[in-house]
């Protein structure tokens, strides 16, 4: 029996070729296998995409929960800090009230002064415990920490030496909260340049 051949146009080259039925069937089987393999790969890819999508949504929810937890912890820490501060001030206020009560009953000024000095010491220590410290004024004028409210011409003092502190300055962990208000010495020739 003679094998049947059919003329088929090659899509890629545009040439007409003769193909036997057996070759057609074989080609058809090969294409079916390739199609099945591609469908399997597509299914695997879709499954992987679904898993990644679920994982992404899970991670996104976890991250949102984490952010909410951090906000809550930050608020709680802030509140705890405020309560600790308030508690420290309450002790100082209590001692002021005792001093005021004592001042009405006593005529001993020295005892009253001693009580006020103790309260001042307690308040200064409390501020130090919170990280607040006085700005040093014995080192000379520093515009980052001191505010010159007045200058005085002086031959006895070095230029930029702080002669007097009008108001104490404070800093918190190295950062100036309020500069110290000071009177600063300037040499006589500098005063002449200004006027």
N, C-alpha and C. Protein backbone atom coordinates (compact mmCIF):
# COMPACT_ATOMS: atom_id res chain seq x y z
N UNK A 1 0.84 -1.18 0.00
CA UNK A 1 0.00 0.00 0.00
C UNK A 1 0.88 1.24 0.00
N UNK A 2 0.45 2.13 -0.78
CA UNK A 2 1.24 3.34 -0.96
C UNK A 2 0.86 4.35 0.12
N UNK A 3 1.90 4.96 0.67
CA UNK A 3 1.68 5.94 1.73
C UNK A 3 1.12 7.20 1.11
N UNK A 4 0.08 7.71 1.81
CA UNK A 4 -0.53 8.95 1.30
C UNK A 4 0.32 10.12 1.75
N UNK A 5 0.49 11.04 0.84
CA UNK A 5 1.23 12.26 1.16
C UNK A 5 0.35 13.45 0.86
N UNK A 6 0.52 14.43 1.67
CA UNK A 6 -0.30 15.61 1.52
C UNK A 6 0.61 16.82 1.38
N UNK A 7 0.17 17.78 0.61
CA UNK A 7 0.96 19.00 0.47
C UNK A 7 0.56 19.98 1.57
N UNK A 8 1.59 20.46 2.25
CA UNK A 8 1.36 21.40 3.36
C UNK A 8 2.28 22.60 3.17
N UNK A 9 1.73 23.78 3.40
CA UNK A 9 2.52 25.01 3.26
C UNK A 9 3.23 25.26 4.60
N UNK A 10 4.54 25.41 4.53
CA UNK A 10 5.33 25.70 5.72
C UNK A 10 5.10 27.17 6.10
N UNK A 11 4.61 27.38 7.30
CA UNK A 11 4.26 28.75 7.75
C UNK A 11 5.50 29.64 7.89
N UNK A 12 6.61 29.04 8.28
CA UNK A 12 7.82 29.83 8.51
C UNK A 12 8.49 30.24 7.21
N UNK A 13 8.62 29.29 6.28
CA UNK A 13 9.35 29.58 5.04
C UNK A 13 8.44 29.95 3.88
N UNK A 14 7.18 29.55 3.97
CA UNK A 14 6.24 29.83 2.90
C UNK A 14 6.31 28.82 1.77
N UNK A 15 7.16 27.80 1.89
CA UNK A 15 7.31 26.78 0.86
C UNK A 15 6.28 25.67 1.06
N UNK A 16 5.93 25.02 -0.02
CA UNK A 16 4.98 23.91 0.03
C UNK A 16 5.80 22.63 0.17
N UNK A 17 5.46 21.81 1.17
CA UNK A 17 6.17 20.55 1.41
C UNK A 17 5.18 19.39 1.38
N UNK A 18 5.71 18.23 1.07
CA UNK A 18 4.88 17.02 1.11
C UNK A 18 5.15 16.32 2.42
N UNK A 19 4.08 15.97 3.15
CA UNK A 19 4.20 15.29 4.44
C UNK A 19 3.29 14.08 4.41
N UNK A 20 3.79 12.99 4.94
CA UNK A 20 2.98 11.78 4.99
C UNK A 20 2.03 11.85 6.18
N UNK A 21 0.98 11.05 6.13
CA UNK A 21 0.00 10.99 7.21
C UNK A 21 0.67 10.57 8.51
N UNK A 22 1.58 9.64 8.41
CA UNK A 22 2.29 9.16 9.60
C UNK A 22 3.09 10.30 10.23
N UNK A 23 3.75 11.08 9.39
CA UNK A 23 4.51 12.23 9.90
C UNK A 23 3.58 13.25 10.54
N UNK A 24 2.42 13.44 9.90
CA UNK A 24 1.43 14.37 10.47
C UNK A 24 0.99 13.90 11.85
N UNK A 25 0.68 12.63 11.97
CA UNK A 25 0.25 12.09 13.26
C UNK A 25 1.35 12.21 14.31
N UNK A 26 2.57 11.91 13.88
CA UNK A 26 3.71 12.02 14.78
C UNK A 26 3.89 13.47 15.25
N UNK A 27 3.83 14.38 14.30
CA UNK A 27 3.94 15.82 14.60
C UNK A 27 2.82 16.25 15.54
N UNK A 28 1.61 15.74 15.27
CA UNK A 28 0.45 16.05 16.10
C UNK A 28 0.68 15.57 17.54
N UNK A 29 1.22 14.36 17.70
CA UNK A 29 1.51 13.81 19.04
C UNK A 29 2.55 14.66 19.75
N UNK A 30 3.58 15.04 19.02
CA UNK A 30 4.64 15.88 19.59
C UNK A 30 4.07 17.21 20.07
N UNK A 31 3.23 17.82 19.25
CA UNK A 31 2.61 19.10 19.62
C UNK A 31 1.69 18.95 20.83
N UNK A 32 0.96 17.80 20.87
CA UNK A 32 0.09 17.55 22.03
C UNK A 32 0.91 17.45 23.31
N UNK A 33 2.07 16.73 23.23
CA UNK A 33 2.94 16.59 24.40
C UNK A 33 3.46 17.96 24.84
N UNK A 34 3.92 18.74 23.88
CA UNK A 34 4.42 20.09 24.18
C UNK A 34 3.33 20.93 24.82
N UNK A 35 2.10 20.82 24.28
CA UNK A 35 0.97 21.56 24.83
C UNK A 35 0.71 21.14 26.28
N UNK A 36 0.75 19.84 26.55
CA UNK A 36 0.53 19.33 27.91
C UNK A 36 1.62 19.83 28.85
N UNK A 37 2.87 19.80 28.37
CA UNK A 37 3.99 20.29 29.18
C UNK A 37 3.82 21.77 29.48
N UNK A 38 3.43 22.54 28.48
CA UNK A 38 3.21 23.98 28.68
C UNK A 38 2.06 24.24 29.65
N UNK A 39 0.98 23.43 29.52
CA UNK A 39 -0.14 23.57 30.46
C UNK A 39 0.32 23.26 31.89
N UNK A 40 1.14 22.22 32.05
CA UNK A 40 1.66 21.85 33.38
C UNK A 40 2.53 22.97 33.94
N UNK A 41 3.41 23.53 33.08
CA UNK A 41 4.27 24.65 33.52
C UNK A 41 3.42 25.86 33.90
N UNK A 42 2.40 26.14 33.10
CA UNK A 42 1.51 27.26 33.39
C UNK A 42 0.81 27.04 34.73
N UNK A 43 0.35 25.83 34.97
CA UNK A 43 -0.33 25.51 36.23
C UNK A 43 0.62 25.70 37.41
N UNK A 44 1.88 25.21 37.26
CA UNK A 44 2.88 25.38 38.32
C UNK A 44 3.13 26.87 38.58
N UNK A 45 3.24 27.63 37.51
CA UNK A 45 3.49 29.07 37.63
C UNK A 45 2.31 29.76 38.32
N UNK A 46 1.09 29.40 37.93
CA UNK A 46 -0.10 29.98 38.57
C UNK A 46 -0.16 29.60 40.04
N UNK A 47 0.16 28.33 40.37
CA UNK A 47 0.17 27.89 41.78
C UNK A 47 1.22 28.67 42.58
N UNK A 48 2.41 28.84 42.00
CA UNK A 48 3.47 29.60 42.67
C UNK A 48 3.05 31.05 42.86
N UNK A 49 2.39 31.63 41.86
CA UNK A 49 1.92 33.01 41.96
C UNK A 49 0.88 33.15 43.07
N UNK A 50 -0.02 32.17 43.17
CA UNK A 50 -1.03 32.20 44.24
C UNK A 50 -0.36 32.11 45.61
N UNK A 51 0.63 31.20 45.74
CA UNK A 51 1.35 31.06 47.01
C UNK A 51 2.05 32.36 47.38
N UNK A 52 2.71 32.98 46.39
CA UNK A 52 3.39 34.25 46.63
C UNK A 52 2.41 35.34 47.01
N UNK A 53 1.25 35.35 46.38
CA UNK A 53 0.23 36.35 46.69
C UNK A 53 -0.26 36.18 48.13
N UNK A 54 -0.50 34.93 48.53
CA UNK A 54 -0.94 34.65 49.90
C UNK A 54 0.16 35.04 50.89
N UNK A 55 1.41 34.70 50.56
CA UNK A 55 2.54 35.06 51.41
C UNK A 55 2.68 36.57 51.53
N UNK A 56 2.55 37.27 50.40
CA UNK A 56 2.64 38.74 50.39
C UNK A 56 1.56 39.34 51.28
N UNK A 57 0.33 38.87 51.13
CA UNK A 57 -0.78 39.39 51.95
C UNK A 57 -0.53 39.11 53.42
N UNK A 58 -0.01 37.94 53.73
CA UNK A 58 0.29 37.57 55.11
C UNK A 58 1.38 38.49 55.68
N UNK A 59 2.44 38.71 54.89
CA UNK A 59 3.52 39.60 55.33
C UNK A 59 3.04 41.03 55.48
N UNK A 60 2.18 41.46 54.58
CA UNK A 60 1.64 42.82 54.66
C UNK A 60 0.82 43.00 55.93
N UNK A 61 -0.01 42.01 56.25
CA UNK A 61 -0.81 42.07 57.48
C UNK A 61 0.09 42.05 58.71
N UNK A 62 1.11 41.19 58.66
CA UNK A 62 2.06 41.09 59.77
C UNK A 62 2.77 42.43 59.98
N UNK A 63 3.15 43.08 58.86
CA UNK A 63 3.83 44.37 58.96
C UNK A 63 2.90 45.44 59.51
N UNK A 64 1.65 45.45 59.08
CA UNK A 64 0.67 46.41 59.61
C UNK A 64 0.47 46.19 61.10
N UNK A 65 0.39 44.92 61.51
CA UNK A 65 0.27 44.60 62.94
C UNK A 65 1.49 45.09 63.71
N UNK A 66 2.67 44.89 63.11
CA UNK A 66 3.92 45.33 63.74
C UNK A 66 3.92 46.85 63.92
N UNK A 67 3.52 47.59 62.87
CA UNK A 67 3.48 49.05 62.97
C UNK A 67 2.50 49.50 64.05
N UNK A 68 1.35 48.86 64.13
CA UNK A 68 0.36 49.21 65.15
C UNK A 68 0.92 48.91 66.54
N UNK A 69 1.60 47.79 66.68
CA UNK A 69 2.19 47.43 67.97
C UNK A 69 3.27 48.44 68.37
N UNK A 70 4.10 48.85 67.41
CA UNK A 70 5.15 49.83 67.68
C UNK A 70 4.56 51.18 68.09
N UNK A 71 3.48 51.60 67.40
CA UNK A 71 2.81 52.86 67.77
C UNK A 71 2.29 52.78 69.19
N UNK A 72 1.67 51.65 69.52
CA UNK A 72 1.11 51.47 70.86
C UNK A 72 2.23 51.47 71.91
N UNK A 73 3.32 50.74 71.64
CA UNK A 73 4.44 50.70 72.58
C UNK A 73 5.07 52.07 72.75
N UNK A 74 5.16 52.83 71.66
CA UNK A 74 5.72 54.18 71.72
C UNK A 74 4.85 55.07 72.60
N UNK A 75 3.54 54.99 72.40
CA UNK A 75 2.61 55.78 73.22
C UNK A 75 2.70 55.37 74.69
N UNK A 76 2.77 54.07 74.94
CA UNK A 76 2.88 53.59 76.32
C UNK A 76 4.18 54.06 76.96
N UNK A 77 5.28 54.03 76.20
CA UNK A 77 6.57 54.48 76.72
C UNK A 77 6.53 55.98 77.01
N UNK A 78 5.89 56.74 76.13
CA UNK A 78 5.75 58.18 76.33
C UNK A 78 4.94 58.46 77.59
N UNK A 79 3.84 57.72 77.74
CA UNK A 79 2.98 57.88 78.90
C UNK A 79 3.72 57.48 80.18
N UNK A 80 4.48 56.39 80.11
CA UNK A 80 5.25 55.93 81.27
C UNK A 80 6.28 56.98 81.67
N UNK A 81 6.94 57.57 80.68
CA UNK A 81 7.91 58.63 80.94
C UNK A 81 7.26 59.85 81.59
N UNK A 82 6.10 60.22 81.09
CA UNK A 82 5.37 61.37 81.67
C UNK A 82 4.96 61.08 83.11
N UNK A 83 4.52 59.86 83.36
CA UNK A 83 4.12 59.48 84.73
C UNK A 83 5.33 59.50 85.67
N UNK A 84 6.47 58.98 85.19
CA UNK A 84 7.69 58.99 86.01
C UNK A 84 8.10 60.43 86.33
N UNK A 85 8.02 61.30 85.33
CA UNK A 85 8.36 62.71 85.52
C UNK A 85 7.42 63.35 86.53
N UNK A 86 6.12 63.11 86.35
CA UNK A 86 5.12 63.68 87.26
C UNK A 86 5.35 63.21 88.69
N UNK A 87 5.66 61.94 88.86
CA UNK A 87 5.89 61.39 90.19
C UNK A 87 7.09 62.08 90.85
N UNK A 88 8.16 62.29 90.07
CA UNK A 88 9.34 62.98 90.60
C UNK A 88 9.02 64.41 91.01
N UNK A 89 8.21 65.10 90.22
CA UNK A 89 7.84 66.48 90.56
C UNK A 89 6.91 66.53 91.77
N UNK A 90 6.08 65.50 91.93
CA UNK A 90 5.16 65.47 93.07
C UNK A 90 5.91 65.51 94.39
N UNK A 91 7.02 64.77 94.47
CA UNK A 91 7.83 64.78 95.70
C UNK A 91 8.39 66.17 95.97
N UNK A 92 8.82 66.84 94.93
CA UNK A 92 9.37 68.19 95.08
C UNK A 92 8.28 69.16 95.50
N UNK A 93 7.10 69.06 94.88
CA UNK A 93 5.97 69.92 95.24
C UNK A 93 5.57 69.67 96.69
N UNK A 94 5.55 68.40 97.11
CA UNK A 94 5.24 68.07 98.51
C UNK A 94 6.20 68.77 99.46
N UNK A 95 7.49 68.76 99.13
CA UNK A 95 8.48 69.41 99.98
C UNK A 95 8.31 70.93 99.99
N UNK A 96 7.91 71.52 98.85
CA UNK A 96 7.62 72.96 98.83
C UNK A 96 6.43 73.28 99.73
N UNK A 97 5.40 72.45 99.67
CA UNK A 97 4.23 72.67 100.53
C UNK A 97 4.60 72.58 102.00
N UNK A 98 5.46 71.63 102.35
CA UNK A 98 5.92 71.51 103.74
C UNK A 98 6.71 72.75 104.14
N UNK A 99 7.56 73.25 103.23
CA UNK A 99 8.35 74.45 103.51
C UNK A 99 7.45 75.66 103.70
N UNK A 100 6.41 75.80 102.87
CA UNK A 100 5.48 76.93 103.01
C UNK A 100 4.72 76.84 104.33
N UNK A 101 4.31 75.64 104.68
CA UNK A 101 3.60 75.41 105.94
C UNK A 101 4.51 75.76 107.11
N UNK A 102 5.75 75.32 107.02
CA UNK A 102 6.74 75.58 108.06
C UNK A 102 7.05 77.08 108.16
N UNK A 103 7.08 77.77 107.02
CA UNK A 103 7.39 79.20 107.00
C UNK A 103 6.34 80.01 107.75
N UNK A 104 5.09 79.54 107.75
CA UNK A 104 4.03 80.25 108.46
C UNK A 104 4.14 80.07 109.97
N UNK A 105 4.79 79.00 110.40
CA UNK A 105 4.86 78.68 111.83
C UNK A 105 6.16 79.10 112.48
N UNK A 106 7.23 79.28 111.70
CA UNK A 106 8.54 79.54 112.30
C UNK A 106 9.03 80.95 111.98
N UNK A 107 9.90 81.41 112.86
CA UNK A 107 10.56 82.70 112.62
C UNK A 107 12.05 82.49 112.35
N UNK A 108 12.47 81.23 112.36
CA UNK A 108 13.88 80.88 112.13
C UNK A 108 14.17 80.88 110.63
N UNK A 109 14.74 81.99 110.18
CA UNK A 109 15.06 82.16 108.76
C UNK A 109 16.09 81.13 108.29
N UNK A 110 17.06 80.82 109.15
CA UNK A 110 18.10 79.86 108.76
C UNK A 110 17.50 78.48 108.48
N UNK A 111 16.56 78.04 109.28
CA UNK A 111 15.91 76.74 109.07
C UNK A 111 15.12 76.76 107.76
N UNK A 112 14.45 77.89 107.51
CA UNK A 112 13.68 78.03 106.27
C UNK A 112 14.61 78.00 105.05
N UNK A 113 15.74 78.71 105.13
CA UNK A 113 16.72 78.72 104.03
C UNK A 113 17.29 77.32 103.80
N UNK A 114 17.55 76.61 104.90
CA UNK A 114 18.08 75.26 104.78
C UNK A 114 17.07 74.36 104.06
N UNK A 115 15.80 74.51 104.37
CA UNK A 115 14.74 73.73 103.72
C UNK A 115 14.66 74.04 102.23
N UNK A 116 14.74 75.33 101.89
CA UNK A 116 14.69 75.74 100.48
C UNK A 116 15.92 75.22 99.73
N UNK A 117 17.09 75.27 100.37
CA UNK A 117 18.30 74.73 99.74
C UNK A 117 18.17 73.23 99.48
N UNK A 118 17.56 72.51 100.41
CA UNK A 118 17.36 71.07 100.23
C UNK A 118 16.43 70.79 99.05
N UNK A 119 15.38 71.61 98.94
CA UNK A 119 14.45 71.45 97.81
C UNK A 119 15.16 71.76 96.50
N UNK A 120 15.97 72.82 96.49
CA UNK A 120 16.74 73.18 95.30
C UNK A 120 17.67 72.03 94.90
N UNK A 121 18.35 71.45 95.88
CA UNK A 121 19.23 70.31 95.61
C UNK A 121 18.43 69.14 95.05
N UNK A 122 17.28 68.87 95.65
CA UNK A 122 16.43 67.76 95.19
C UNK A 122 15.98 67.98 93.74
N UNK A 123 15.59 69.21 93.41
CA UNK A 123 15.15 69.53 92.05
C UNK A 123 16.31 69.42 91.06
N UNK A 124 17.49 69.93 91.44
CA UNK A 124 18.67 69.84 90.56
C UNK A 124 19.04 68.39 90.30
N UNK A 125 19.02 67.57 91.34
CA UNK A 125 19.35 66.15 91.19
C UNK A 125 18.32 65.45 90.29
N UNK A 126 17.05 65.81 90.47
CA UNK A 126 15.99 65.22 89.66
C UNK A 126 16.19 65.56 88.18
N UNK A 127 16.53 66.82 87.89
CA UNK A 127 16.78 67.23 86.50
C UNK A 127 17.97 66.46 85.91
N UNK A 128 19.02 66.29 86.70
CA UNK A 128 20.19 65.53 86.23
C UNK A 128 19.81 64.09 85.91
N UNK A 129 18.97 63.49 86.75
CA UNK A 129 18.52 62.11 86.51
C UNK A 129 17.73 62.01 85.21
N UNK A 130 17.10 63.10 84.79
CA UNK A 130 16.33 63.11 83.55
C UNK A 130 17.20 63.45 82.34
N UNK A 131 18.50 63.69 82.58
CA UNK A 131 19.42 63.99 81.48
C UNK A 131 19.56 65.49 81.22
N UNK A 132 19.03 66.31 82.12
CA UNK A 132 19.11 67.77 81.96
C UNK A 132 20.24 68.28 82.85
N UNK A 133 21.15 69.04 82.25
CA UNK A 133 22.26 69.56 83.03
C UNK A 133 22.46 71.05 82.76
N UNK A 134 23.09 71.71 83.74
CA UNK A 134 23.36 73.14 83.60
C UNK A 134 24.46 73.35 82.56
N UNK A 135 24.35 74.46 81.86
CA UNK A 135 25.39 74.82 80.88
C UNK A 135 26.54 75.47 81.63
N UNK A 136 27.74 74.99 81.33
CA UNK A 136 28.95 75.50 81.96
C UNK A 136 29.19 76.94 81.50
N UNK A 137 29.55 77.81 82.46
CA UNK A 137 29.80 79.21 82.10
C UNK A 137 31.21 79.66 82.46
N UNK A 138 32.04 78.75 82.98
CA UNK A 138 33.40 79.13 83.37
C UNK A 138 34.40 78.96 82.22
N UNK A 139 33.95 78.48 81.09
CA UNK A 139 34.85 78.18 79.97
C UNK A 139 34.98 79.33 78.96
N UNK A 140 34.26 80.39 79.13
CA UNK A 140 34.29 81.47 78.15
C UNK A 140 33.03 81.43 77.29
N UNK A 141 32.76 82.54 76.62
CA UNK A 141 31.53 82.68 75.84
C UNK A 141 31.51 81.72 74.65
N UNK A 142 30.39 81.01 74.51
CA UNK A 142 30.15 80.10 73.39
C UNK A 142 28.76 80.42 72.85
N UNK A 143 28.64 80.97 71.65
CA UNK A 143 27.32 81.38 71.14
C UNK A 143 26.33 80.22 70.97
N UNK A 144 26.81 78.98 71.00
CA UNK A 144 25.91 77.82 70.90
C UNK A 144 25.23 77.52 72.23
N UNK A 145 25.83 78.02 73.33
CA UNK A 145 25.29 77.73 74.66
C UNK A 145 24.98 78.97 75.48
N UNK A 146 25.53 80.10 75.08
CA UNK A 146 25.36 81.33 75.87
C UNK A 146 24.72 82.43 75.02
N UNK A 147 23.95 83.28 75.70
CA UNK A 147 23.37 84.45 75.05
C UNK A 147 23.89 85.68 75.78
N UNK A 148 24.65 86.51 75.06
CA UNK A 148 25.21 87.71 75.67
C UNK A 148 24.11 88.77 75.75
N UNK A 149 23.67 89.07 76.96
CA UNK A 149 22.64 90.10 77.13
C UNK A 149 23.27 91.47 77.33
N UNK A 150 24.59 91.46 77.62
CA UNK A 150 25.30 92.72 77.82
C UNK A 150 26.79 92.46 77.65
N UNK A 151 27.52 93.48 77.17
CA UNK A 151 28.98 93.39 77.11
C UNK A 151 29.54 94.51 77.99
N UNK A 152 30.67 94.20 78.62
CA UNK A 152 31.31 95.18 79.51
C UNK A 152 32.77 95.31 79.09
N UNK A 153 33.22 96.57 78.91
CA UNK A 153 34.63 96.82 78.59
C UNK A 153 35.43 96.54 79.84
N UNK A 154 36.45 95.69 79.70
CA UNK A 154 37.23 95.32 80.89
C UNK A 154 38.66 94.99 80.51
N UNK A 155 39.59 95.56 81.31
CA UNK A 155 41.01 95.22 81.15
C UNK A 155 41.37 94.06 82.09
N UNK A 156 40.55 93.89 83.15
CA UNK A 156 40.83 92.84 84.15
C UNK A 156 40.43 91.45 83.67
N UNK A 157 39.50 91.37 82.74
CA UNK A 157 38.99 90.07 82.26
C UNK A 157 39.46 89.82 80.83
N UNK A 158 39.64 88.55 80.52
CA UNK A 158 40.03 88.16 79.15
C UNK A 158 38.86 88.43 78.20
N UNK A 159 39.16 88.69 76.91
CA UNK A 159 38.07 88.87 75.95
C UNK A 159 37.18 87.62 75.90
N UNK A 160 35.88 87.86 75.82
CA UNK A 160 34.86 86.80 75.78
C UNK A 160 34.73 86.01 77.08
N UNK A 161 35.34 86.51 78.14
CA UNK A 161 35.17 85.85 79.44
C UNK A 161 33.78 86.23 79.98
N UNK A 162 33.11 85.26 80.56
CA UNK A 162 31.79 85.52 81.15
C UNK A 162 32.01 86.13 82.53
N UNK A 163 31.52 87.35 82.70
CA UNK A 163 31.69 88.06 83.96
C UNK A 163 30.60 87.69 84.95
N UNK A 164 29.37 87.57 84.44
CA UNK A 164 28.24 87.28 85.32
C UNK A 164 27.18 86.47 84.57
N UNK A 165 26.54 85.57 85.31
CA UNK A 165 25.44 84.78 84.75
C UNK A 165 24.14 85.42 85.22
N UNK A 166 23.32 85.85 84.28
CA UNK A 166 22.02 86.46 84.60
C UNK A 166 20.97 85.36 84.77
N UNK A 167 20.99 84.37 83.91
CA UNK A 167 20.04 83.26 83.98
C UNK A 167 20.76 81.98 83.55
N UNK A 168 20.62 80.95 84.37
CA UNK A 168 21.26 79.66 84.08
C UNK A 168 20.68 79.05 82.81
N UNK A 169 21.55 78.46 82.02
CA UNK A 169 21.12 77.75 80.82
C UNK A 169 21.14 76.25 81.06
N UNK A 170 20.38 75.53 80.25
CA UNK A 170 20.29 74.07 80.42
C UNK A 170 20.41 73.38 79.07
N UNK A 171 20.93 72.14 79.12
CA UNK A 171 20.96 71.32 77.92
C UNK A 171 20.51 69.91 78.28
N UNK A 172 19.95 69.26 77.27
CA UNK A 172 19.45 67.90 77.44
C UNK A 172 20.25 66.99 76.52
N UNK A 173 21.03 66.12 77.11
CA UNK A 173 21.88 65.19 76.36
C UNK A 173 22.72 65.91 75.31
N UNK A 174 23.33 67.00 75.72
CA UNK A 174 24.21 67.76 74.84
C UNK A 174 23.52 68.78 73.96
N UNK A 175 22.23 68.80 73.96
CA UNK A 175 21.47 69.74 73.11
C UNK A 175 20.94 70.90 73.96
N UNK A 176 21.23 72.12 73.55
CA UNK A 176 20.83 73.29 74.33
C UNK A 176 19.31 73.44 74.33
N UNK A 177 18.76 73.48 75.55
CA UNK A 177 17.32 73.72 75.72
C UNK A 177 17.09 75.22 75.83
N UNK A 178 17.91 75.82 76.71
CA UNK A 178 17.83 77.27 76.92
C UNK A 178 19.25 77.77 77.14
N UNK A 179 19.71 78.73 76.34
CA UNK A 179 21.07 79.23 76.53
C UNK A 179 21.18 80.02 77.85
N UNK A 180 22.38 80.00 78.41
CA UNK A 180 22.63 80.79 79.62
C UNK A 180 22.72 82.26 79.21
N UNK A 181 22.00 83.12 79.93
CA UNK A 181 22.07 84.57 79.65
C UNK A 181 23.20 85.14 80.50
N UNK A 182 24.16 85.78 79.81
CA UNK A 182 25.40 86.18 80.48
C UNK A 182 25.83 87.60 80.09
N UNK A 183 26.71 88.14 80.95
CA UNK A 183 27.39 89.40 80.65
C UNK A 183 28.82 89.02 80.28
N UNK A 184 29.29 89.55 79.14
CA UNK A 184 30.59 89.14 78.58
C UNK A 184 31.55 90.32 78.54
N UNK A 185 32.83 90.02 78.85
CA UNK A 185 33.87 91.05 78.80
C UNK A 185 34.37 91.22 77.37
N UNK A 186 34.62 92.48 77.01
CA UNK A 186 35.27 92.76 75.72
C UNK A 186 36.42 93.73 75.99
N UNK A 187 37.48 93.67 75.18
CA UNK A 187 38.60 94.59 75.38
C UNK A 187 38.21 96.01 74.98
N UNK A 188 38.89 97.03 75.54
CA UNK A 188 38.54 98.43 75.24
C UNK A 188 38.56 98.76 73.74
N UNK A 189 39.52 98.22 72.99
CA UNK A 189 39.61 98.55 71.55
C UNK A 189 38.41 98.02 70.77
N UNK A 190 37.80 96.95 71.23
CA UNK A 190 36.62 96.40 70.56
C UNK A 190 35.42 97.34 70.76
N UNK A 191 35.31 97.95 71.91
CA UNK A 191 34.22 98.89 72.21
C UNK A 191 34.33 100.09 71.28
N UNK A 192 35.56 100.53 71.02
CA UNK A 192 35.78 101.68 70.13
C UNK A 192 35.34 101.36 68.70
N UNK A 193 35.55 100.11 68.27
CA UNK A 193 35.14 99.70 66.92
C UNK A 193 33.62 99.69 66.79
N UNK A 194 32.92 99.33 67.86
CA UNK A 194 31.46 99.24 67.84
C UNK A 194 30.84 100.62 67.77
N UNK A 195 31.40 101.61 68.50
CA UNK A 195 30.81 102.95 68.53
C UNK A 195 31.25 103.81 67.41
